[in-house]
């Protein structure tokens, strides 16, 4: 099997996108769990009950949203960075870097077709997430709810992709492509 070395541009783009996607997932996880508006509102309600003060449920939710807003702003800022990175990623093949492979190409093995298909699926999912995210921020407010629904659903591709990607890298590292992780970090395989 041919050993592939990764260029500096390839590695920088890979890791920049990976870091951004990880940070985006962290903000989503926080928003759905510890920073969930209902959970935060309950914490505020419990505290206020010890001070003989109270707020309505609607007021508690508004306050909870304000508390988590700075964290959620990071989700949006990282989304802007992702738009830039992914735009560069889509343009790089024009300069001979990070070319996309057609998963339906006849020259590929079934395994390679699957790999290329997974990356195509990932690219489509990222594109949908970024476009709907931009619509939520800058599009007509009449479409905001529909775009949010699509945006939330479109993120599920990422979890599936990560499981397949990490599993595939682990299998490759342990079988036919030993050193793939080293090459993705340093650009070439470390000596053994």
Protein backbone atom coordinates (compact mmCIF):
# COMPACT_ATOMS: atom_id res chain seq x y z
CA UNK A 1 0.00 0.00 0.00
CA UNK A 2 1.24 3.48 -0.89
CA UNK A 3 2.28 5.68 2.03
CA UNK A 4 0.78 9.16 1.80
CA UNK A 5 2.54 12.15 3.30
CA UNK A 6 0.49 15.25 4.06
CA UNK A 7 1.56 18.77 3.09
CA UNK A 8 1.74 21.56 5.65
CA UNK A 9 -1.35 23.23 4.12
CA UNK A 10 -3.27 19.95 4.31
CA UNK A 11 -2.33 19.42 7.97
CA UNK A 12 -3.01 23.02 9.00
CA UNK A 13 -6.45 22.98 7.37
CA UNK A 14 -7.27 19.55 8.82
CA UNK A 15 -6.36 20.53 12.38
CA UNK A 16 -7.86 24.04 12.19
CA UNK A 17 -11.19 22.59 11.02
CA UNK A 18 -10.95 19.79 13.61
CA UNK A 19 -10.33 22.27 16.45
CA UNK A 20 -13.19 24.52 15.32
CA UNK A 21 -15.59 21.59 15.01
CA UNK A 22 -14.57 20.37 18.49
CA UNK A 23 -15.19 23.81 20.00
CA UNK A 24 -18.54 24.04 18.23
CA UNK A 25 -19.51 20.63 19.62
CA UNK A 26 -18.49 21.73 23.12
CA UNK A 27 -20.75 24.80 22.92
CA UNK A 28 -23.61 22.61 21.68
CA UNK A 29 -23.03 20.10 24.47
CA UNK A 30 -22.95 22.88 27.09
CA UNK A 31 -26.12 24.48 25.71
CA UNK A 32 -27.96 21.16 25.73
CA UNK A 33 -26.77 20.14 29.21
CA UNK A 34 -25.22 22.29 31.95
CA UNK A 35 -26.09 25.59 30.30
CA UNK A 36 -29.58 24.50 29.24
CA UNK A 37 -31.92 27.45 29.83
CA UNK A 38 -34.34 25.38 31.92
CA UNK A 39 -31.51 23.99 34.07
CA UNK A 40 -30.00 27.44 34.64
CA UNK A 41 -33.45 28.89 35.37
CA UNK A 42 -33.99 26.18 38.01
CA UNK A 43 -30.65 27.03 39.66
CA UNK A 44 -31.67 30.70 39.77
CA UNK A 45 -35.12 29.81 41.15
CA UNK A 46 -33.56 27.67 43.89
CA UNK A 47 -31.16 30.44 44.86
CA UNK A 48 -33.86 33.10 44.85
CA UNK A 49 -36.11 30.99 47.08
CA UNK A 50 -33.47 31.31 49.81
CA UNK A 51 -33.60 35.12 49.55
CA UNK A 52 -37.38 35.51 49.67
CA UNK A 53 -37.40 36.81 46.10
CA UNK A 54 -39.03 35.33 43.05
CA UNK A 55 -39.29 35.74 39.33
CA UNK A 56 -41.81 34.34 36.88
CA UNK A 57 -40.79 31.37 34.74
CA UNK A 58 -40.51 33.66 31.70
CA UNK A 59 -38.24 36.06 33.62
CA UNK A 60 -36.10 33.13 34.79
CA UNK A 61 -35.71 31.90 31.20
CA UNK A 62 -34.73 35.38 29.98
CA UNK A 63 -32.13 35.65 32.75
CA UNK A 64 -30.85 32.11 32.04
CA UNK A 65 -30.43 32.98 28.34
CA UNK A 66 -28.48 36.12 29.29
CA UNK A 67 -26.17 34.09 31.54
CA UNK A 68 -25.32 31.63 28.78
CA UNK A 69 -25.17 34.23 25.98
CA UNK A 70 -21.37 34.82 26.18
CA UNK A 71 -20.78 31.08 25.80
CA UNK A 72 -23.17 30.89 22.87
CA UNK A 73 -21.51 33.91 21.25
CA UNK A 74 -18.39 31.76 20.97
CA UNK A 75 -20.41 29.22 18.97
CA UNK A 76 -21.27 31.98 16.51
CA UNK A 77 -17.69 33.38 16.33
CA UNK A 78 -16.26 29.92 15.74
CA UNK A 79 -18.94 29.42 13.07
CA UNK A 80 -17.60 32.52 11.27
CA UNK A 81 -14.08 31.07 11.44
CA UNK A 82 -15.44 27.79 10.05
CA UNK A 83 -17.06 29.64 7.12
CA UNK A 84 -13.65 31.11 6.29
CA UNK A 85 -11.75 27.86 6.77
CA UNK A 86 -14.22 25.80 4.81
CA UNK A 87 -14.29 28.34 1.99
CA UNK A 88 -10.50 28.09 1.78
CA UNK A 89 -10.82 24.29 1.94
CA UNK A 90 -13.18 24.33 -1.03
CA UNK A 91 -10.81 26.57 -3.01
CA UNK A 92 -7.59 24.66 -2.29
CA UNK A 93 -8.15 22.00 -5.00
CA UNK A 94 -7.92 24.83 -7.56
CA UNK A 95 -4.31 25.26 -6.39
CA UNK A 96 -3.46 21.55 -6.39
CA UNK A 97 -3.95 21.02 -2.65
CA UNK A 98 -6.47 18.83 -0.80
CA UNK A 99 -8.18 17.57 -3.94
CA UNK A 100 -11.59 16.01 -3.59
CA UNK A 101 -11.96 12.44 -4.83
CA UNK A 102 -15.08 11.22 -6.57
CA UNK A 103 -16.49 8.35 -4.49
CA UNK A 104 -18.04 6.93 -7.66
CA UNK A 105 -14.71 6.65 -9.51
CA UNK A 106 -14.17 3.24 -11.09
CA UNK A 107 -10.46 3.16 -10.23
CA UNK A 108 -11.13 3.01 -6.47
CA UNK A 109 -11.57 -0.05 -4.30
CA UNK A 110 -14.78 -0.45 -2.30
CA UNK A 111 -12.93 0.76 0.81
CA UNK A 112 -11.66 3.88 -0.98
CA UNK A 113 -15.13 4.59 -2.38
CA UNK A 114 -16.52 4.36 1.15
CA UNK A 115 -13.82 6.71 2.49
CA UNK A 116 -14.38 9.26 -0.27
CA UNK A 117 -18.15 8.96 0.19
CA UNK A 118 -17.83 9.65 3.93
CA UNK A 119 -15.78 12.79 3.21
CA UNK A 120 -18.30 13.91 0.61
CA UNK A 121 -21.10 13.38 3.14
CA UNK A 122 -19.09 15.34 5.73
CA UNK A 123 -18.51 18.22 3.28
CA UNK A 124 -22.20 18.39 2.40
CA UNK A 125 -23.13 18.34 6.10
CA UNK A 126 -20.65 21.11 6.93
CA UNK A 127 -21.94 23.17 4.02
CA UNK A 128 -25.55 22.80 5.20
CA UNK A 129 -24.58 23.67 8.78
CA UNK A 130 -22.65 26.77 7.71
CA UNK A 131 -25.28 28.03 5.26
CA UNK A 132 -28.13 27.57 7.74
CA UNK A 133 -26.04 29.16 10.49
CA UNK A 134 -25.41 32.20 8.30
CA UNK A 135 -29.12 32.36 7.44
CA UNK A 136 -29.96 32.33 11.16
CA UNK A 137 -27.62 35.26 11.74
CA UNK A 138 -28.13 37.33 8.60
CA UNK A 139 -31.13 35.96 6.73
CA UNK A 140 -34.74 37.05 6.82
CA UNK A 141 -36.27 36.57 10.27
CA UNK A 142 -39.28 34.86 8.65
CA UNK A 143 -37.00 31.90 7.84
CA UNK A 144 -35.16 31.81 11.18
CA UNK A 145 -37.20 28.98 12.76
CA UNK A 146 -36.95 26.73 9.68
CA UNK A 147 -33.21 27.43 9.38
CA UNK A 148 -32.70 26.66 13.08
CA UNK A 149 -34.51 23.32 12.67
CA UNK A 150 -32.32 22.37 9.70
CA UNK A 151 -29.19 23.68 11.46
CA UNK A 152 -29.88 21.56 14.53
CA UNK A 153 -30.62 18.45 12.46
CA UNK A 154 -27.61 18.97 10.20
CA UNK A 155 -25.19 18.69 13.12
CA UNK A 156 -25.98 15.01 13.60
CA UNK A 157 -23.81 14.20 10.57
CA UNK A 158 -20.83 15.38 12.62
CA UNK A 159 -21.26 12.81 15.36
CA UNK A 160 -21.61 10.02 12.80
CA UNK A 161 -18.61 11.34 10.86
CA UNK A 162 -16.43 11.52 13.99
CA UNK A 163 -17.22 7.93 14.96
CA UNK A 164 -16.46 6.68 11.44
CA UNK A 165 -13.37 8.92 11.11
CA UNK A 166 -11.80 7.96 14.45
CA UNK A 167 -12.67 4.30 13.92
CA UNK A 168 -11.20 4.34 10.42
CA UNK A 169 -8.02 6.10 11.53
CA UNK A 170 -7.57 3.62 14.39
CA UNK A 171 -8.10 0.64 12.11
CA UNK A 172 -5.72 2.13 9.50
CA UNK A 173 -3.08 2.84 12.15
CA UNK A 174 -3.29 -0.71 13.49
CA UNK A 175 -3.35 -2.43 10.08
CA UNK A 176 -2.37 -1.26 6.60
CA UNK A 177 -1.42 2.39 7.15
CA UNK A 178 0.76 2.39 10.23
CA UNK A 179 2.05 5.87 10.98
CA UNK A 180 -0.98 7.67 9.52
CA UNK A 181 -1.42 9.65 12.75
CA UNK A 182 2.26 10.66 12.78
CA UNK A 183 2.02 11.78 9.16
CA UNK A 184 -1.06 13.86 9.90
CA UNK A 185 0.78 15.56 12.78
CA UNK A 186 4.30 15.96 11.38
CA UNK A 187 3.85 15.47 7.64
CA UNK A 188 5.95 12.34 7.44
CA UNK A 189 6.12 9.05 9.23
CA UNK A 190 8.27 9.03 12.33
CA UNK A 191 11.08 6.53 12.31
CA UNK A 192 10.49 3.36 14.26
